[in-house]
Amino acid sequence: MEMYIASYQQEEEEKARLRQRLSKEAIDLALQGRWEEAEAINRDIIEKFPSDVEAYNRLGRALTELGDFDGAKEAYLKALELAPQNAIAKKNLARLTSLSESMA
């Protein structure tokens, strides 16, 4: 039993390190304005960690920068579904809504 617990803990630590590494990579790409690559990394994170609110927020930002406002809105709504009080998603969703209204 102890061996199973140790193995599980090691696996969880490896997952946490992977998530942290991918998140840092996504942030670095965004800071360089490499939005397509940032989008891809954030989608990869979401595939591996479906409840990663920060990845949905970063995906929303990347999609906004790429002009995919519907996709960005979807990403922010998913972030709010996971974390209803998430200020970043709320703020960016409001910004997208006012942007789409001004473009109409």
PDB file of N, CA and C in Angstrom:
ATOM      1  N   MET A   1       0.833  -1.204   0.000  1.00  0.00           N
ATOM      2  CA  MET A   1       0.000   0.000   0.000  1.00  0.00           C
ATOM      3  C   MET A   1       0.870   1.256   0.000  1.00  0.00           C
ATOM      4  N   GLU A   2       1.910   1.260   0.847  1.00  0.00           N
ATOM      5  CA  GLU A   2       2.794   2.436   0.912  1.00  0.00           C
ATOM      6  C   GLU A   2       3.470   2.685  -0.425  1.00  0.00           C
ATOM      7  N   MET A   3       3.825   1.600  -1.112  1.00  0.00           N
ATOM      8  CA  MET A   3       4.480   1.738  -2.403  1.00  0.00           C
ATOM      9  C   MET A   3       3.514   2.368  -3.414  1.00  0.00           C
ATOM     10  N   TYR A   4       2.244   1.965  -3.344  1.00  0.00           N
ATOM     11  CA  TYR A   4       1.239   2.529  -4.231  1.00  0.00           C
ATOM     12  C   TYR A   4       1.085   4.023  -3.971  1.00  0.00           C
ATOM     13  N   ILE A   5       1.034   4.412  -2.704  1.00  0.00           N
ATOM     14  CA  ILE A   5       0.883   5.827  -2.333  1.00  0.00           C
ATOM     15  C   ILE A   5       2.085   6.627  -2.815  1.00  0.00           C
ATOM     16  N   ALA A   6       3.288   6.098  -2.615  1.00  0.00           N
ATOM     17  CA  ALA A   6       4.503   6.784  -3.062  1.00  0.00           C
ATOM     18  C   ALA A   6       4.494   6.948  -4.577  1.00  0.00           C
ATOM     19  N   SER A   7       4.067   5.908  -5.282  1.00  0.00           N
ATOM     20  CA  SER A   7       4.007   5.965  -6.744  1.00  0.00           C
ATOM     21  C   SER A   7       2.986   7.017  -7.196  1.00  0.00           C
ATOM     22  N   TYR A   8       1.835   7.053  -6.530  1.00  0.00           N
ATOM     23  CA  TYR A   8       0.795   8.024  -6.848  1.00  0.00           C
ATOM     24  C   TYR A   8       1.304   9.450  -6.601  1.00  0.00           C
ATOM     25  N   GLN A   9       1.982   9.641  -5.468  1.00  0.00           N
ATOM     26  CA  GLN A   9       2.516  10.966  -5.150  1.00  0.00           C
ATOM     27  C   GLN A   9       3.537  11.403  -6.189  1.00  0.00           C
ATOM     28  N   GLN A  10       4.396  10.486  -6.600  1.00  0.00           N
ATOM     29  CA  GLN A  10       5.409  10.803  -7.608  1.00  0.00           C
ATOM     30  C   GLN A  10       4.737  11.182  -8.928  1.00  0.00           C
ATOM     31  N   GLU A  11       3.694  10.434  -9.298  1.00  0.00           N
ATOM     32  CA  GLU A  11       2.968  10.721 -10.525  1.00  0.00           C
ATOM     33  C   GLU A  11       2.319  12.109 -10.458  1.00  0.00           C
ATOM     34  N   GLU A  12       1.730  12.446  -9.336  1.00  0.00           N
ATOM     35  CA  GLU A  12       1.097  13.752  -9.163  1.00  0.00           C
ATOM     36  C   GLU A  12       2.127  14.881  -9.231  1.00  0.00           C
ATOM     37  N   GLU A  13       3.303  14.657  -8.645  1.00  0.00           N
ATOM     38  CA  GLU A  13       4.369  15.663  -8.699  1.00  0.00           C
ATOM     39  C   GLU A  13       4.838  15.868 -10.138  1.00  0.00           C
ATOM     40  N   GLU A  14       4.942  14.771 -10.891  1.00  0.00           N
ATOM     41  CA  GLU A  14       5.353  14.882 -12.291  1.00  0.00           C
ATOM     42  C   GLU A  14       4.308  15.654 -13.097  1.00  0.00           C
ATOM     43  N   LYS A  15       3.024  15.387 -12.843  1.00  0.00           N
ATOM     44  CA  LYS A  15       1.951  16.119 -13.517  1.00  0.00           C
ATOM     45  C   LYS A  15       2.029  17.607 -13.191  1.00  0.00           C
ATOM     46  N   ALA A  16       2.268  17.922 -11.931  1.00  0.00           N
ATOM     47  CA  ALA A  16       2.357  19.325 -11.513  1.00  0.00           C
ATOM     48  C   ALA A  16       3.530  20.016 -12.200  1.00  0.00           C
ATOM     49  N   ARG A  17       4.659  19.318 -12.304  1.00  0.00           N
ATOM     50  CA  ARG A  17       5.826  19.899 -12.982  1.00  0.00           C
ATOM     51  C   ARG A  17       5.539  20.118 -14.468  1.00  0.00           C
ATOM     52  N   LEU A  18       4.872  19.155 -15.103  1.00  0.00           N
ATOM     53  CA  LEU A  18       4.515  19.282 -16.520  1.00  0.00           C
ATOM     54  C   LEU A  18       3.592  20.480 -16.717  1.00  0.00           C
ATOM     55  N   ARG A  19       2.593  20.590 -15.875  1.00  0.00           N
ATOM     56  CA  ARG A  19       1.638  21.698 -15.976  1.00  0.00           C
ATOM     57  C   ARG A  19       2.349  23.038 -15.807  1.00  0.00           C
ATOM     58  N   GLN A  20       3.250  23.100 -14.841  1.00  0.00           N
ATOM     59  CA  GLN A  20       3.999  24.329 -14.583  1.00  0.00           C
ATOM     60  C   GLN A  20       4.896  24.678 -15.779  1.00  0.00           C
ATOM     61  N   ARG A  21       5.561  23.674 -16.339  1.00  0.00           N
ATOM     62  CA  ARG A  21       6.460  23.910 -17.478  1.00  0.00           C
ATOM     63  C   ARG A  21       5.666  24.390 -18.696  1.00  0.00           C
ATOM     64  N   LEU A  22       4.549  23.719 -18.980  1.00  0.00           N
ATOM     65  CA  LEU A  22       3.735  24.120 -20.123  1.00  0.00           C
ATOM     66  C   LEU A  22       3.144  25.520 -19.921  1.00  0.00           C
ATOM     67  N   SER A  23       2.722  25.833 -18.711  1.00  0.00           N
ATOM     68  CA  SER A  23       2.170  27.158 -18.420  1.00  0.00           C
ATOM     69  C   SER A  23       3.215  28.235 -18.647  1.00  0.00           C
ATOM     70  N   LYS A  24       4.433  27.988 -18.176  1.00  0.00           N
ATOM     71  CA  LYS A  24       5.509  28.958 -18.365  1.00  0.00           C
ATOM     72  C   LYS A  24       5.791  29.145 -19.857  1.00  0.00           C
ATOM     73  N   GLU A  25       5.781  28.046 -20.598  1.00  0.00           N
ATOM     74  CA  GLU A  25       6.018  28.125 -22.044  1.00  0.00           C
ATOM     75  C   GLU A  25       4.922  28.950 -22.722  1.00  0.00           C
ATOM     76  N   ALA A  26       3.674  28.721 -22.327  1.00  0.00           N
ATOM     77  CA  ALA A  26       2.547  29.470 -22.913  1.00  0.00           C
ATOM     78  C   ALA A  26       2.668  30.963 -22.614  1.00  0.00           C
ATOM     79  N   ILE A  27       3.053  31.290 -21.392  1.00  0.00           N
ATOM     80  CA  ILE A  27       3.221  32.697 -20.994  1.00  0.00           C
ATOM     81  C   ILE A  27       4.357  33.333 -21.782  1.00  0.00           C
ATOM     82  N   ASP A  28       5.482  32.618 -21.890  1.00  0.00           N
ATOM     83  CA  ASP A  28       6.630  33.146 -22.645  1.00  0.00           C
ATOM     84  C   ASP A  28       6.258  33.413 -24.104  1.00  0.00           C
ATOM     85  N   LEU A  29       5.520  32.492 -24.712  1.00  0.00           N
ATOM     86  CA  LEU A  29       5.099  32.673 -26.109  1.00  0.00           C
ATOM     87  C   LEU A  29       4.191  33.893 -26.247  1.00  0.00           C
ATOM     88  N   ALA A  30       3.279  34.059 -25.299  1.00  0.00           N
ATOM     89  CA  ALA A  30       2.371  35.219 -25.333  1.00  0.00           C
ATOM     90  C   ALA A  30       3.165  36.519 -25.199  1.00  0.00           C
ATOM     91  N   LEU A  31       4.133  36.526 -24.307  1.00  0.00           N
ATOM     92  CA  LEU A  31       4.950  37.735 -24.117  1.00  0.00           C
ATOM     93  C   LEU A  31       5.734  38.093 -25.377  1.00  0.00           C
ATOM     94  N   GLN A  32       6.028  37.080 -26.195  1.00  0.00           N
ATOM     95  CA  GLN A  32       6.737  37.306 -27.460  1.00  0.00           C
ATOM     96  C   GLN A  32       5.772  37.593 -28.607  1.00  0.00           C
ATOM     97  N   GLY A  33       4.465  37.575 -28.315  1.00  0.00           N
ATOM     98  CA  GLY A  33       3.476  37.822 -29.353  1.00  0.00           C
ATOM     99  C   GLY A  33       3.309  36.659 -30.312  1.00  0.00           C
ATOM    100  N   ARG A  34       3.721  35.480 -29.893  1.00  0.00           N
ATOM    101  CA  ARG A  34       3.600  34.281 -30.736  1.00  0.00           C
ATOM    102  C   ARG A  34       2.277  33.593 -30.394  1.00  0.00           C
ATOM    103  N   TRP A  35       1.184  34.213 -30.854  1.00  0.00           N
ATOM    104  CA  TRP A  35      -0.159  33.842 -30.396  1.00  0.00           C
ATOM    105  C   TRP A  35      -0.621  32.475 -30.884  1.00  0.00           C
ATOM    106  N   GLU A  36      -0.278  32.084 -32.124  1.00  0.00           N
ATOM    107  CA  GLU A  36      -0.689  30.754 -32.609  1.00  0.00           C
ATOM    108  C   GLU A  36      -0.067  29.665 -31.747  1.00  0.00           C
ATOM    109  N   GLU A  37       1.221  29.837 -31.435  1.00  0.00           N
ATOM    110  CA  GLU A  37       1.909  28.845 -30.610  1.00  0.00           C
ATOM    111  C   GLU A  37       1.362  28.855 -29.182  1.00  0.00           C
ATOM    112  N   ALA A  38       1.070  30.042 -28.672  1.00  0.00           N
ATOM    113  CA  ALA A  38       0.496  30.146 -27.329  1.00  0.00           C
ATOM    114  C   ALA A  38      -0.869  29.455 -27.283  1.00  0.00           C
ATOM    115  N   GLU A  39      -1.650  29.648 -28.336  1.00  0.00           N
ATOM    116  CA  GLU A  39      -2.954  28.975 -28.411  1.00  0.00           C
ATOM    117  C   GLU A  39      -2.771  27.458 -28.352  1.00  0.00           C
ATOM    118  N   ALA A  40      -1.841  26.945 -29.153  1.00  0.00           N
ATOM    119  CA  ALA A  40      -1.616  25.496 -29.221  1.00  0.00           C
ATOM    120  C   ALA A  40      -1.186  24.932 -27.862  1.00  0.00           C
ATOM    121  N   ILE A  41      -0.281  25.611 -27.193  1.00  0.00           N
ATOM    122  CA  ILE A  41       0.197  25.134 -25.885  1.00  0.00           C
ATOM    123  C   ILE A  41      -0.945  25.154 -24.871  1.00  0.00           C
ATOM    124  N   ASN A  42      -1.740  26.218 -24.867  1.00  0.00           N
ATOM    125  CA  ASN A  42      -2.854  26.286 -23.915  1.00  0.00           C
ATOM    126  C   ASN A  42      -3.894  25.212 -24.204  1.00  0.00           C
ATOM    127  N   ARG A  43      -4.141  24.918 -25.465  1.00  0.00           N
ATOM    128  CA  ARG A  43      -5.068  23.822 -25.801  1.00  0.00           C
ATOM    129  C   ARG A  43      -4.509  22.483 -25.302  1.00  0.00           C
ATOM    130  N   ASP A  44      -3.202  22.319 -25.421  1.00  0.00           N
ATOM    131  CA  ASP A  44      -2.539  21.108 -24.934  1.00  0.00           C
ATOM    132  C   ASP A  44      -2.699  20.996 -23.408  1.00  0.00           C
ATOM    133  N   ILE A  45      -2.503  22.101 -22.717  1.00  0.00           N
ATOM    134  CA  ILE A  45      -2.665  22.107 -21.253  1.00  0.00           C
ATOM    135  C   ILE A  45      -4.095  21.717 -20.893  1.00  0.00           C
ATOM    136  N   ILE A  46      -5.067  22.302 -21.585  1.00  0.00           N
ATOM    137  CA  ILE A  46      -6.480  22.031 -21.298  1.00  0.00           C
ATOM    138  C   ILE A  46      -6.816  20.561 -21.564  1.00  0.00           C
ATOM    139  N   GLU A  47      -6.213  20.004 -22.603  1.00  0.00           N
ATOM    140  CA  GLU A  47      -6.444  18.587 -22.898  1.00  0.00           C
ATOM    141  C   GLU A  47      -5.937  17.717 -21.745  1.00  0.00           C
ATOM    142  N   LYS A  48      -4.782  18.076 -21.197  1.00  0.00           N
ATOM    143  CA  LYS A  48      -4.190  17.299 -20.105  1.00  0.00           C
ATOM    144  C   LYS A  48      -4.791  17.645 -18.740  1.00  0.00           C
ATOM    145  N   PHE A  49      -5.180  18.903 -18.566  1.00  0.00           N
ATOM    146  CA  PHE A  49      -5.698  19.400 -17.282  1.00  0.00           C
ATOM    147  C   PHE A  49      -6.985  20.191 -17.541  1.00  0.00           C
ATOM    148  N   PRO A  50      -8.105  19.504 -17.746  1.00  0.00           N
ATOM    149  CA  PRO A  50      -9.348  20.162 -18.183  1.00  0.00           C
ATOM    150  C   PRO A  50      -9.920  21.207 -17.217  1.00  0.00           C
ATOM    151  N   SER A  51      -9.438  21.244 -16.002  1.00  0.00           N
ATOM    152  CA  SER A  51      -9.980  22.229 -15.056  1.00  0.00           C
ATOM    153  C   SER A  51      -9.005  23.376 -14.791  1.00  0.00           C
ATOM    154  N   ASP A  52      -8.046  23.591 -15.699  1.00  0.00           N
ATOM    155  CA  ASP A  52      -7.049  24.654 -15.533  1.00  0.00           C
ATOM    156  C   ASP A  52      -7.635  25.997 -15.991  1.00  0.00           C
ATOM    157  N   VAL A  53      -8.146  26.751 -15.033  1.00  0.00           N
ATOM    158  CA  VAL A  53      -8.799  28.033 -15.319  1.00  0.00           C
ATOM    159  C   VAL A  53      -7.834  29.011 -15.983  1.00  0.00           C
ATOM    160  N   GLU A  54      -6.595  29.052 -15.506  1.00  0.00           N
ATOM    161  CA  GLU A  54      -5.610  29.981 -16.073  1.00  0.00           C
ATOM    162  C   GLU A  54      -5.347  29.673 -17.540  1.00  0.00           C
ATOM    163  N   ALA A  55      -5.335  28.392 -17.900  1.00  0.00           N
ATOM    164  CA  ALA A  55      -5.116  28.020 -19.307  1.00  0.00           C
ATOM    165  C   ALA A  55      -6.276  28.512 -20.176  1.00  0.00           C
ATOM    166  N   TYR A  56      -7.498  28.435 -19.650  1.00  0.00           N
ATOM    167  CA  TYR A  56      -8.647  28.963 -20.409  1.00  0.00           C
ATOM    168  C   TYR A  56      -8.532  30.478 -20.572  1.00  0.00           C
ATOM    169  N   ASN A  57      -8.090  31.165 -19.531  1.00  0.00           N
ATOM    170  CA  ASN A  57      -7.897  32.617 -19.637  1.00  0.00           C
ATOM    171  C   ASN A  57      -6.815  32.955 -20.657  1.00  0.00           C
ATOM    172  N   ARG A  58      -5.706  32.219 -20.609  1.00  0.00           N
ATOM    173  CA  ARG A  58      -4.628  32.471 -21.580  1.00  0.00           C
ATOM    174  C   ARG A  58      -5.091  32.137 -22.993  1.00  0.00           C
ATOM    175  N   LEU A  59      -5.865  31.065 -23.139  1.00  0.00           N
ATOM    176  CA  LEU A  59      -6.399  30.700 -24.452  1.00  0.00           C
ATOM    177  C   LEU A  59      -7.311  31.816 -24.965  1.00  0.00           C
ATOM    178  N   GLY A  60      -8.142  32.347 -24.093  1.00  0.00           N
ATOM    179  CA  GLY A  60      -9.017  33.452 -24.476  1.00  0.00           C
ATOM    180  C   GLY A  60      -8.226  34.643 -24.974  1.00  0.00           C
ATOM    181  N   ARG A  61      -7.144  34.958 -24.298  1.00  0.00           N
ATOM    182  CA  ARG A  61      -6.297  36.091 -24.707  1.00  0.00           C
ATOM    183  C   ARG A  61      -5.662  35.822 -26.068  1.00  0.00           C
ATOM    184  N   ALA A  62      -5.126  34.607 -26.239  1.00  0.00           N
ATOM    185  CA  ALA A  62      -4.486  34.269 -27.515  1.00  0.00           C
ATOM    186  C   ALA A  62      -5.501  34.348 -28.655  1.00  0.00           C
ATOM    187  N   LEU A  63      -6.696  33.812 -28.436  1.00  0.00           N
ATOM    188  CA  LEU A  63      -7.720  33.839 -29.482  1.00  0.00           C
ATOM    189  C   LEU A  63      -8.173  35.265 -29.777  1.00  0.00           C
ATOM    190  N   THR A  64      -8.244  36.106 -28.751  1.00  0.00           N
ATOM    191  CA  THR A  64      -8.585  37.518 -28.957  1.00  0.00           C
ATOM    192  C   THR A  64      -7.536  38.167 -29.856  1.00  0.00           C
ATOM    193  N   GLU A  65      -6.276  37.931 -29.537  1.00  0.00           N
ATOM    194  CA  GLU A  65      -5.179  38.507 -30.329  1.00  0.00           C
ATOM    195  C   GLU A  65      -5.213  38.007 -31.773  1.00  0.00           C
ATOM    196  N   LEU A  66      -5.700  36.785 -31.962  1.00  0.00           N
ATOM    197  CA  LEU A  66      -5.775  36.203 -33.310  1.00  0.00           C
ATOM    198  C   LEU A  66      -7.067  36.587 -34.032  1.00  0.00           C
ATOM    199  N   GLY A  67      -7.939  37.345 -33.345  1.00  0.00           N
ATOM    200  CA  GLY A  67      -9.171  37.804 -33.966  1.00  0.00           C
ATOM    201  C   GLY A  67     -10.328  36.815 -33.902  1.00  0.00           C
ATOM    202  N   ASP A  68     -10.148  35.729 -33.164  1.00  0.00           N
ATOM    203  CA  ASP A  68     -11.211  34.731 -33.006  1.00  0.00           C
ATOM    204  C   ASP A  68     -12.010  35.067 -31.745  1.00  0.00           C
ATOM    205  N   PHE A  69     -12.883  36.070 -31.868  1.00  0.00           N
ATOM    206  CA  PHE A  69     -13.607  36.574 -30.705  1.00  0.00           C
ATOM    207  C   PHE A  69     -14.617  35.563 -30.169  1.00  0.00           C
ATOM    208  N   ASP A  70     -15.238  34.783 -31.065  1.00  0.00           N
ATOM    209  CA  ASP A  70     -16.177  33.758 -30.599  1.00  0.00           C
ATOM    210  C   ASP A  70     -15.448  32.685 -29.793  1.00  0.00           C
ATOM    211  N   GLY A  71     -14.309  32.262 -30.299  1.00  0.00           N
ATOM    212  CA  GLY A  71     -13.506  31.267 -29.583  1.00  0.00           C
ATOM    213  C   GLY A  71     -13.021  31.800 -28.249  1.00  0.00           C
ATOM    214  N   ALA A  72     -12.623  33.071 -28.235  1.00  0.00           N
ATOM    215  CA  ALA A  72     -12.154  33.702 -26.993  1.00  0.00           C
ATOM    216  C   ALA A  72     -13.288  33.754 -25.971  1.00  0.00           C
ATOM    217  N   LYS A  73     -14.464  34.142 -26.446  1.00  0.00           N
ATOM    218  CA  LYS A  73     -15.630  34.219 -25.554  1.00  0.00           C
ATOM    219  C   LYS A  73     -15.923  32.849 -24.941  1.00  0.00           C
ATOM    220  N   GLU A  74     -15.844  31.825 -25.774  1.00  0.00           N
ATOM    221  CA  GLU A  74     -16.066  30.449 -25.327  1.00  0.00           C
ATOM    222  C   GLU A  74     -15.050  30.062 -24.239  1.00  0.00           C
ATOM    223  N   ALA A  75     -13.786  30.424 -24.446  1.00  0.00           N
ATOM    224  CA  ALA A  75     -12.736  30.103 -23.472  1.00  0.00           C
ATOM    225  C   ALA A  75     -12.995  30.809 -22.141  1.00  0.00           C
ATOM    226  N   TYR A  76     -13.366  32.090 -22.198  1.00  0.00           N
ATOM    227  CA  TYR A  76     -13.645  32.829 -20.960  1.00  0.00           C
ATOM    228  C   TYR A  76     -14.884  32.289 -20.251  1.00  0.00           C
ATOM    229  N   LEU A  77     -15.902  31.896 -21.026  1.00  0.00           N
ATOM    230  CA  LEU A  77     -17.095  31.313 -20.411  1.00  0.00           C
ATOM    231  C   LEU A  77     -16.764  30.000 -19.709  1.00  0.00           C
ATOM    232  N   LYS A  78     -15.873  29.210 -20.297  1.00  0.00           N
ATOM    233  CA  LYS A  78     -15.452  27.950 -19.668  1.00  0.00           C
ATOM    234  C   LYS A  78     -14.678  28.241 -18.379  1.00  0.00           C
ATOM    235  N   ALA A  79     -13.843  29.271 -18.405  1.00  0.00           N
ATOM    236  CA  ALA A  79     -13.115  29.661 -17.189  1.00  0.00           C
ATOM    237  C   ALA A  79     -14.106  30.036 -16.086  1.00  0.00           C
ATOM    238  N   LEU A  80     -15.154  30.766 -16.460  1.00  0.00           N
ATOM    239  CA  LEU A  80     -16.169  31.166 -15.471  1.00  0.00           C
ATOM    240  C   LEU A  80     -17.010  29.990 -15.004  1.00  0.00           C
ATOM    241  N   GLU A  81     -17.207  29.022 -15.875  1.00  0.00           N
ATOM    242  CA  GLU A  81     -17.932  27.813 -15.472  1.00  0.00           C
ATOM    243  C   GLU A  81     -17.140  27.084 -14.383  1.00  0.00           C
ATOM    244  N   LEU A  82     -15.816  27.055 -14.540  1.00  0.00           N
ATOM    245  CA  LEU A  82     -14.945  26.380 -13.570  1.00  0.00           C
ATOM    246  C   LEU A  82     -14.733  27.215 -12.314  1.00  0.00           C
ATOM    247  N   ALA A  83     -14.685  28.533 -12.478  1.00  0.00           N
ATOM    248  CA  ALA A  83     -14.414  29.452 -11.362  1.00  0.00           C
ATOM    249  C   ALA A  83     -15.298  30.684 -11.532  1.00  0.00           C
ATOM    250  N   PRO A  84     -16.554  30.616 -11.061  1.00  0.00           N
ATOM    251  CA  PRO A  84     -17.517  31.687 -11.314  1.00  0.00           C
ATOM    252  C   PRO A  84     -17.092  33.091 -10.868  1.00  0.00           C
ATOM    253  N   GLN A  85     -16.189  33.185  -9.939  1.00  0.00           N
ATOM    254  CA  GLN A  85     -15.750  34.511  -9.459  1.00  0.00           C
ATOM    255  C   GLN A  85     -14.456  34.990 -10.114  1.00  0.00           C
ATOM    256  N   ASN A  86     -13.997  34.293 -11.140  1.00  0.00           N
ATOM    257  CA  ASN A  86     -12.721  34.638 -11.766  1.00  0.00           C
ATOM    258  C   ASN A  86     -12.773  36.024 -12.403  1.00  0.00           C
ATOM    259  N   ALA A  87     -12.040  36.951 -11.797  1.00  0.00           N
ATOM    260  CA  ALA A  87     -12.071  38.357 -12.225  1.00  0.00           C
ATOM    261  C   ALA A  87     -11.490  38.559 -13.624  1.00  0.00           C
ATOM    262  N   ILE A  88     -10.459  37.814 -13.958  1.00  0.00           N
ATOM    263  CA  ILE A  88      -9.826  37.961 -15.273  1.00  0.00           C
ATOM    264  C   ILE A  88     -10.815  37.586 -16.376  1.00  0.00           C
ATOM    265  N   ALA A  89     -11.473  36.446 -16.217  1.00  0.00           N
ATOM    266  CA  ALA A  89     -12.440  36.005 -17.227  1.00  0.00           C
ATOM    267  C   ALA A  89     -13.612  36.985 -17.319  1.00  0.00           C
ATOM    268  N   LYS A  90     -14.098  37.456 -16.178  1.00  0.00           N
ATOM    269  CA  LYS A  90     -15.218  38.416 -16.177  1.00  0.00           C
ATOM    270  C   LYS A  90     -14.839  39.688 -16.924  1.00  0.00           C
ATOM    271  N   LYS A  91     -13.659  40.225 -16.601  1.00  0.00           N
ATOM    272  CA  LYS A  91     -13.201  41.473 -17.219  1.00  0.00           C
ATOM    273  C   LYS A  91     -13.028  41.313 -18.727  1.00  0.00           C
ATOM    274  N   ASN A  92     -12.410  40.227 -19.143  1.00  0.00           N
ATOM    275  CA  ASN A  92     -12.149  40.027 -20.567  1.00  0.00           C
ATOM    276  C   ASN A  92     -13.415  39.706 -21.348  1.00  0.00           C
ATOM    277  N   LEU A  93     -14.345  39.020 -20.715  1.00  0.00           N
ATOM    278  CA  LEU A  93     -15.633  38.748 -21.352  1.00  0.00           C
ATOM    279  C   LEU A  93     -16.396  40.054 -21.572  1.00  0.00           C
ATOM    280  N   ALA A  94     -16.375  40.935 -20.580  1.00  0.00           N
ATOM    281  CA  ALA A  94     -17.028  42.240 -20.712  1.00  0.00           C
ATOM    282  C   ALA A  94     -16.365  43.055 -21.815  1.00  0.00           C
ATOM    283  N   ARG A  95     -15.048  42.999 -21.889  1.00  0.00           N
ATOM    284  CA  ARG A  95     -14.307  43.723 -22.924  1.00  0.00           C
ATOM    285  C   ARG A  95     -14.674  43.195 -24.310  1.00  0.00           C
ATOM    286  N   LEU A  96     -14.763  41.871 -24.445  1.00  0.00           N
ATOM    287  CA  LEU A  96     -15.134  41.269 -25.727  1.00  0.00           C
ATOM    288  C   LEU A  96     -16.559  41.660 -26.126  1.00  0.00           C
ATOM    289  N   THR A  97     -17.450  41.665 -25.152  1.00  0.00           N
ATOM    290  CA  THR A  97     -18.834  42.027 -25.429  1.00  0.00           C
ATOM    291  C   THR A  97     -18.935  43.460 -25.925  1.00  0.00           C
ATOM    292  N   SER A  98     -18.239  44.385 -25.261  1.00  0.00           N
ATOM    293  CA  SER A  98     -18.296  45.784 -25.698  1.00  0.00           C
ATOM    294  C   SER A  98     -17.590  45.955 -27.050  1.00  0.00           C
ATOM    295  N   LEU A  99     -16.542  45.187 -27.290  1.00  0.00           N
ATOM    296  CA  LEU A  99     -15.837  45.246 -28.572  1.00  0.00           C
ATOM    297  C   LEU A  99     -16.755  44.766 -29.700  1.00  0.00           C
ATOM    298  N   SER A 100     -17.443  43.664 -29.471  1.00  0.00           N
ATOM    299  CA  SER A 100     -18.320  43.144 -30.533  1.00  0.00           C
ATOM    300  C   SER A 100     -19.525  44.070 -30.759  1.00  0.00           C
ATOM    301  N   GLU A 101     -19.975  44.745 -29.706  1.00  0.00           N
ATOM    302  CA  GLU A 101     -21.069  45.700 -29.866  1.00  0.00           C
ATOM    303  C   GLU A 101     -20.613  46.917 -30.672  1.00  0.00           C
ATOM    304  N   SER A 102     -19.395  47.366 -30.437  1.00  0.00           N
ATOM    305  CA  SER A 102     -18.895  48.541 -31.167  1.00  0.00           C
ATOM    306  C   SER A 102     -18.591  48.207 -32.631  1.00  0.00           C
ATOM    307  N   MET A 103     -18.369  46.939 -32.931  1.00  0.00           N
ATOM    308  CA  MET A 103     -18.085  46.524 -34.299  1.00  0.00           C
ATOM    309  C   MET A 103     -19.374  46.251 -35.076  1.00  0.00           C
ATOM    310  N   ALA A 104     -20.490  46.124 -34.361  1.00  0.00           N
ATOM    311  CA  ALA A 104     -21.762  45.757 -35.021  1.00  0.00           C
ATOM    312  C   ALA A 104     -22.357  46.941 -35.769  1.00  0.00           C
TER     313      ALA A 104
END
